[in-house]
Structures are given as structure tokens and as C-alpha cells.
Amino acid sequence: MPKVVGWERNNKGKLSSKFVDLSASMDPAKISESSVNLNLKLMRWRLLPELDLSVIQNVNALVLGSGTLGCNVARCLLGWGVKKITMLDNGKVSYSNPVRQSLFDFSDCGKPKALTAAKKIAMINPGAEAKGVNLSIPMPGHPVVNLELERVKADIDTLEQLVDAADVVFLLTDTRESRWLPTLMCSAKHKICINSALGFDTYLVMRHGVRDDGDDLAPPEIGAKVIQGSQLGCYFCNDVVAPSDSTKDRTLDQMCTVTRPGNAYLAGALAVELMVSLLQHPMK
């Protein structure tokens, strides 16, 4: 007699039917998550055996600015398997945004940028833990009237809580002065801070230095080939005076932040790749 297929002995030694749970192979969300992880595992298998994927996938990223740079950074973070992404902005999607800002389409015009960006991230990767925060970052040089004082204090508290919870902070806002307070917070809390800014045909991508109390505060030697992380400066280190209102006394065309479209893709990608490199460093 041939053995009956599909029946196996259970823990009690009795023949019973065997059940197999195939829900993971039929759930589109689970299939998507598995496919994303497979791409990264293939990269490690074929090119970078020492690549630590877990430290990348478990990072909590705070993206300050949900515009052209913010959308591209979020997209690249998803490509690396990052799931915890918080988008912050105080603006709304304008009609000129969808063609440049890769998380938005025409139907999003008029909606809050940060909240909409978080929803689109969840649509792209259902496994992502995306959060949108509609908040205005307090800025030096921008006076605060008494009626707004309590709101500004609340915004500072919220921003500090977000920085505390984050592992990496991306500074991608439109103006210099809006990066001042987050820079101070990241420095005080020893957070990885990556700054990216755009000119018309130029871009900047840099990481801010992180110092501990016991670090050597001496400047690096002239011509040094390697500069320690504790000796790196920040976005404002070359400034002679504190940042002020960069939009004051400027015409509309001078306040415009539109740049060559391709610059944001380059800068956003390099910012994320810089984060990945830092997270793989032995001293992370």
C-alpha cells in the first residue's frame, strides 16, 4: 500500500492532516516587503558581503522639509529599506510642485505637504511607518508676536521631541535660517545631521560634526588627509554673524527657490548614500 499523501503523525503519534499557512505568499503587502528585502540582500550577496542591512532598515529618519529635496530623500530612503520616516513641513502642495516633487501628483494640490507625503510613502511601501508633521520651524530674524508666542514654544517642544526620537536628521528646508535651530538641537543631542541645499546649477551635501565631551577640540592640521568627525563643522561655521531673515528686502524672483530639476535628484541621492556610509562605519 502506498503511503497516504497529506497525512503525518502529530506530536501524539496520531495520523492527522497537515496545514500550511500560505497567507504570506498571497498578501500583496507581504510580497512587497519580501521583494524589497530581496533586492537589498542580493546587493549584499553579490557586491557587499559586509553590508549591515539591519542597521539601515531600523534607522529612524527625520526629514525636515517635504519639498523637492525632501521627496527625493524619502524615495531613496525607501529604496534602502528604511521604514521609519517622519516628514515635516508647514506648507501646502502648490500647482507647480507635482512635476518636481516626486511624492505628489495633481490631485494633491492644496493639501498639507508633510501629511500628504507620509500618505504617499505608505502607498509606495505599505510596510513603512511614515508620519507627517505640519509644523513651522522657529527661525532667527523672524519676529514673533505675542499672540503666536505659545504656538512657537509648542513648535520648539515638538521639534525637540522629534529630534530626540530620530537617529538621522536631514536638513532640507528652503531657507538658511530655518536650519539653525535643528542644527543646534542635533549638535546638543549628538545626532547624525545631514544637510543638503540647492543653487540654480549647484548643490551642497554635507554632514555636521558630532562632538562628545571628551573629544579633542583642536582644529585639524592644514593639509590633513583625514579629518575626524569631532573636528567637522556645520552649515553655519563659516558665518560671521548669526542667520537673519533671508527673504527680507528681496523681490519675488530673488526669493524663488526653483533650481535645475536634476540637481535635487543628485543631492537627495547623495544625502541618503552619505547616511548609509556613516551607518556602516565601525565607529557608528
Protein backbone atom coordinates (compact mmCIF):
# COMPACT_ATOMS: atom_id res chain seq x y z
CA MET A 1 0.00 0.00 0.00
CA PRO A 2 1.41 3.41 -0.92
CA LYS A 3 1.64 5.93 1.89
CA VAL A 4 -1.22 8.40 2.03
CA VAL A 5 -0.07 11.86 0.93
CA GLY A 6 -1.00 14.77 3.16
CA TRP A 7 -1.21 12.86 6.43
CA GLU A 8 1.56 12.99 9.03
CA ARG A 9 1.89 11.93 12.62
CA ASN A 10 1.37 14.73 15.10
CA ASN A 11 3.03 15.20 18.48
CA LYS A 12 0.84 12.48 19.93
CA GLY A 13 1.82 9.99 17.23
CA LYS A 14 -1.57 10.01 15.54
CA LEU A 15 -2.11 10.49 11.82
CA SER A 16 -3.70 13.82 11.05
CA SER A 17 -3.90 16.36 8.28
CA LYS A 18 -1.07 18.88 7.89
CA PHE A 19 -1.88 22.55 7.42
CA VAL A 20 0.37 25.05 5.68
CA ASP A 21 -0.17 28.80 6.08
CA LEU A 22 0.22 30.43 2.65
CA SER A 23 -1.19 33.82 3.60
CA ALA A 24 2.24 35.46 3.48
CA SER A 25 2.67 34.40 -0.14
CA MET A 26 -0.74 35.76 -1.12
CA ASP A 27 -0.79 39.07 0.78
CA PRO A 28 0.39 41.86 -1.59
CA ALA A 29 1.84 43.86 1.30
CA LYS A 30 3.91 40.87 2.48
CA ILE A 31 5.03 40.16 -1.09
CA SER A 32 6.10 43.78 -1.47
CA GLU A 33 8.10 43.70 1.76
CA SER A 34 9.78 40.45 0.77
CA SER A 35 10.68 41.81 -2.66
CA VAL A 36 12.22 44.99 -1.22
CA ASN A 37 14.31 42.95 1.19
CA LEU A 38 15.35 40.59 -1.59
CA ASN A 39 16.79 43.46 -3.64
CA LEU A 40 18.93 44.56 -0.71
CA LYS A 41 20.02 41.01 0.14
CA LEU A 42 21.08 40.45 -3.47
CA MET A 43 23.19 43.61 -3.25
CA ARG A 44 24.90 42.29 -0.15
CA TRP A 45 25.29 38.80 -1.59
CA ARG A 46 26.81 39.88 -4.90
CA LEU A 47 28.76 43.04 -4.04
CA LEU A 48 28.98 43.89 -0.32
CA PRO A 49 29.04 40.82 1.95
CA GLU A 50 29.83 43.01 4.97
CA LEU A 51 26.81 45.29 4.42
CA ASP A 52 24.77 45.55 7.64
CA LEU A 53 21.21 45.85 6.37
CA SER A 54 19.56 45.71 9.78
CA VAL A 55 21.12 48.96 10.99
CA ILE A 56 19.85 50.72 7.85
CA GLN A 57 16.36 49.27 7.93
CA ASN A 58 15.88 50.05 11.63
CA VAL A 59 17.01 53.67 11.42
CA ASN A 60 14.51 56.39 12.35
CA ALA A 61 14.84 59.22 9.82
CA LEU A 62 13.53 62.74 10.39
CA VAL A 63 13.17 64.70 7.13
CA LEU A 64 12.84 68.46 7.71
CA GLY A 65 11.29 69.84 4.55
CA SER A 66 8.87 67.94 2.31
CA GLY A 67 9.61 69.76 -0.93
CA THR A 68 11.79 68.78 -3.87
CA LEU A 69 14.71 67.59 -1.74
CA GLY A 70 12.53 66.03 0.93
CA CYS A 71 10.55 63.95 -1.57
CA ASN A 72 13.69 62.64 -3.25
CA VAL A 73 15.36 61.82 0.07
CA ALA A 74 12.25 59.94 1.19
CA ARG A 75 12.22 57.96 -2.06
CA CYS A 76 15.88 56.97 -1.62
CA LEU A 77 15.28 56.01 2.00
CA LEU A 78 12.52 53.66 0.85
CA GLY A 79 14.90 52.16 -1.70
CA TRP A 80 17.31 51.30 1.13
CA GLY A 81 14.54 49.63 3.10
CA VAL A 82 14.13 52.38 5.71
CA LYS A 83 10.65 52.14 7.22
CA LYS A 84 10.55 54.78 9.96
CA ILE A 85 10.32 58.13 8.19
CA THR A 86 8.91 61.35 9.63
CA MET A 87 8.18 64.16 7.16
CA LEU A 88 7.94 67.73 8.47
CA ASP A 89 6.75 70.85 6.66
CA ASN A 90 4.31 73.72 7.14
CA GLY A 91 3.40 74.31 3.51
CA LYS A 92 0.80 73.03 1.09
CA VAL A 93 1.25 71.38 -2.28
CA SER A 94 1.11 74.07 -4.97
CA TYR A 95 0.28 73.56 -8.63
CA SER A 96 3.95 73.85 -9.60
CA ASN A 97 5.07 71.16 -7.16
CA PRO A 98 3.94 67.79 -8.64
CA VAL A 99 6.25 67.99 -11.67
CA ARG A 100 9.31 68.46 -9.43
CA GLN A 101 8.38 66.80 -6.15
CA SER A 102 8.21 63.08 -6.72
CA LEU A 103 5.76 62.14 -3.96
CA PHE A 104 2.93 64.37 -5.20
CA ASP A 105 0.51 64.39 -8.13
CA PHE A 106 -2.05 66.91 -9.41
CA SER A 107 -4.80 65.67 -7.08
CA ASP A 108 -2.65 66.61 -4.06
CA CYS A 109 -2.60 70.35 -4.82
CA GLY A 110 -3.84 72.36 -1.85
CA LYS A 111 -3.16 69.58 0.68
CA PRO A 112 -0.59 69.82 3.53
CA LYS A 113 2.78 68.69 2.23
CA ALA A 114 4.05 66.70 5.20
CA LEU A 115 0.81 64.78 5.80
CA THR A 116 0.36 64.06 2.10
CA ALA A 117 3.98 62.94 1.72
CA ALA A 118 3.57 60.50 4.60
CA LYS A 119 0.43 59.03 3.00
CA LYS A 120 2.22 58.63 -0.33
CA ILE A 121 5.14 56.87 1.36
CA ALA A 122 2.68 54.38 2.88
CA MET A 123 1.13 53.86 -0.56
CA ILE A 124 4.54 53.15 -2.10
CA ASN A 125 5.55 50.78 0.69
CA PRO A 126 2.66 49.58 2.91
CA GLY A 127 5.20 48.33 5.44
CA ALA A 128 6.61 51.80 6.05
CA GLU A 129 5.87 53.61 9.33
CA ALA A 130 5.52 57.06 7.83
CA LYS A 131 4.42 60.06 9.84
CA GLY A 132 3.62 63.60 8.72
CA VAL A 133 4.03 66.63 10.99
CA ASN A 134 2.62 70.01 9.99
CA LEU A 135 4.94 72.40 11.82
CA SER A 136 6.71 75.72 11.26
CA ILE A 137 10.33 75.73 12.47
CA PRO A 138 11.08 78.88 14.53
CA MET A 139 13.77 80.95 12.81
CA PRO A 140 16.20 83.68 13.92
CA GLY A 141 15.48 87.03 12.32
CA HIS A 142 11.76 86.31 12.09
CA PRO A 143 9.97 88.23 14.87
CA VAL A 144 7.26 86.51 16.89
CA VAL A 145 4.22 88.48 18.00
CA ASN A 146 2.76 87.88 21.44
CA LEU A 147 -0.28 86.10 20.02
CA GLU A 148 1.99 83.49 18.41
CA LEU A 149 4.33 83.01 21.38
CA GLU A 150 2.64 79.94 22.87
CA ARG A 151 2.40 78.27 19.45
CA VAL A 152 6.09 78.87 18.78
CA LYS A 153 7.02 77.40 22.17
CA ALA A 154 4.88 74.35 21.40
CA ASP A 155 6.56 74.01 17.99
CA ILE A 156 10.00 74.07 19.64
CA ASP A 157 8.95 71.36 22.09
CA THR A 158 7.54 69.21 19.28
CA LEU A 159 10.66 69.66 17.17
CA GLU A 160 12.88 68.70 20.11
CA GLN A 161 10.85 65.55 20.71
CA LEU A 162 11.18 64.60 17.04
CA VAL A 163 14.95 65.13 17.09
CA ASP A 164 15.21 63.08 20.31
CA ALA A 165 13.39 60.17 18.65
CA ALA A 166 15.38 60.33 15.39
CA ASP A 167 18.64 58.57 14.56
CA VAL A 168 19.33 60.70 11.49
CA VAL A 169 18.09 64.23 10.72
CA PHE A 170 18.01 65.62 7.18
CA LEU A 171 18.00 69.42 6.81
CA LEU A 172 16.22 70.13 3.51
CA THR A 173 14.26 73.34 4.11
CA ASP A 174 14.13 76.34 1.79
CA THR A 175 15.95 78.97 3.87
CA ARG A 176 19.22 79.02 5.80
CA GLU A 177 17.68 80.34 8.99
CA SER A 178 15.15 77.50 9.17
CA ARG A 179 18.11 75.11 9.58
CA TRP A 180 19.59 77.00 12.54
CA LEU A 181 17.52 75.58 15.41
CA PRO A 182 17.62 71.95 14.17
CA THR A 183 21.40 72.29 13.78
CA LEU A 184 21.75 73.35 17.41
CA MET A 185 19.48 70.55 18.60
CA CYS A 186 21.35 67.88 16.62
CA SER A 187 24.69 69.14 17.93
CA ALA A 188 23.47 69.16 21.54
CA LYS A 189 21.92 65.70 21.26
CA HIS A 190 24.79 64.11 19.24
CA LYS A 191 22.58 63.19 16.29
CA ILE A 192 23.70 62.41 12.76
CA CYS A 193 22.76 65.56 10.85
CA ILE A 194 22.95 65.65 7.05
CA ASN A 195 22.44 68.93 5.28
CA SER A 196 21.61 69.41 1.61
CA ALA A 197 20.98 72.68 -0.22
CA LEU A 198 20.44 73.70 -3.84
CA GLY A 199 21.60 76.55 -6.02
CA PHE A 200 20.44 77.11 -9.56
CA ASP A 201 23.12 74.85 -11.05
CA THR A 202 24.95 73.76 -7.89
CA TYR A 203 24.19 71.69 -4.84
CA LEU A 204 25.66 71.02 -1.40
CA VAL A 205 25.61 67.78 0.60
CA MET A 206 27.42 67.64 3.92
CA ARG A 207 27.31 66.02 7.34
CA HIS A 208 27.66 68.01 10.50
CA GLY A 209 30.36 67.15 13.02
CA VAL A 210 29.43 65.40 16.25
CA ARG A 211 31.44 66.08 19.40
CA ASP A 212 31.43 64.33 22.74
CA ASP A 213 32.67 65.94 25.93
CA GLY A 214 35.98 64.10 25.79
CA ASP A 215 36.81 64.84 22.15
CA ASP A 216 39.84 66.85 21.12
CA LEU A 217 38.64 70.37 20.26
CA ALA A 218 41.83 71.32 18.39
CA PRO A 219 41.29 72.11 14.70
CA PRO A 220 42.65 69.63 12.13
CA GLU A 221 46.11 70.15 10.72
CA ILE A 222 46.40 72.02 7.45
CA GLY A 223 46.60 69.53 4.59
CA ALA A 224 45.33 66.63 6.71
CA LYS A 225 44.05 63.76 4.56
CA VAL A 226 41.66 62.50 7.25
CA ILE A 227 39.51 64.77 9.44
CA GLN A 228 37.89 63.25 12.49
CA GLY A 229 34.11 63.54 12.84
CA SER A 230 34.54 65.58 16.01
CA GLN A 231 36.51 68.18 14.03
CA LEU A 232 33.94 68.69 11.30
CA GLY A 233 31.97 71.92 11.26
CA CYS A 234 28.34 72.59 10.43
CA TYR A 235 26.41 74.57 7.84
CA PHE A 236 26.90 77.81 9.80
CA CYS A 237 30.54 77.51 10.90
CA ASN A 238 31.83 79.93 8.23
CA ASP A 239 29.20 82.56 9.01
CA VAL A 240 30.49 85.77 10.60
CA VAL A 241 27.08 86.72 12.01
CA ALA A 242 24.02 84.74 13.02
CA PRO A 243 21.50 83.95 10.26
CA SER A 244 18.78 86.51 9.63
CA ASP A 245 15.62 86.76 7.55
CA SER A 246 16.86 85.77 4.09
CA THR A 247 13.56 86.74 2.46
CA LYS A 248 13.60 90.34 3.70
CA ASP A 249 14.11 93.14 1.17
CA ARG A 250 14.14 90.71 -1.75
CA THR A 251 11.99 90.71 -4.85
CA LEU A 252 9.81 87.73 -5.70
CA ASP A 253 12.29 86.36 -8.23
CA GLN A 254 15.12 86.63 -5.69
CA MET A 255 13.12 84.67 -3.11
CA CYS A 256 12.32 81.92 -5.62
CA THR A 257 13.93 78.58 -4.74
CA VAL A 258 13.43 76.92 -8.13
CA THR A 259 16.61 75.26 -9.41
CA ARG A 260 17.59 73.00 -12.27
CA PRO A 261 15.29 69.96 -11.82
CA GLY A 262 18.07 67.37 -11.89
CA ASN A 263 20.01 68.92 -9.02
CA ALA A 264 17.53 67.77 -6.39
CA TYR A 265 17.74 64.15 -7.55
CA LEU A 266 21.53 64.21 -7.33
CA ALA A 267 21.65 65.98 -3.97
CA GLY A 268 18.88 63.86 -2.43
CA ALA A 269 20.50 60.61 -3.54
CA LEU A 270 23.93 61.64 -2.26
CA ALA A 271 22.47 62.69 1.10
CA VAL A 272 20.96 59.24 1.63
CA GLU A 273 24.08 57.44 0.39
CA LEU A 274 26.10 59.51 2.86
CA MET A 275 23.79 58.35 5.66
CA VAL A 276 24.21 54.72 4.61
CA SER A 277 28.01 55.08 4.58
CA LEU A 278 28.01 56.61 8.05
CA LEU A 279 25.82 53.83 9.44
CA GLN A 280 28.28 51.23 8.11
CA HIS A 281 31.27 52.90 9.76
CA PRO A 282 32.89 50.91 12.61
CA MET A 283 32.55 53.94 14.91
CA LYS A 284 28.84 54.42 14.27
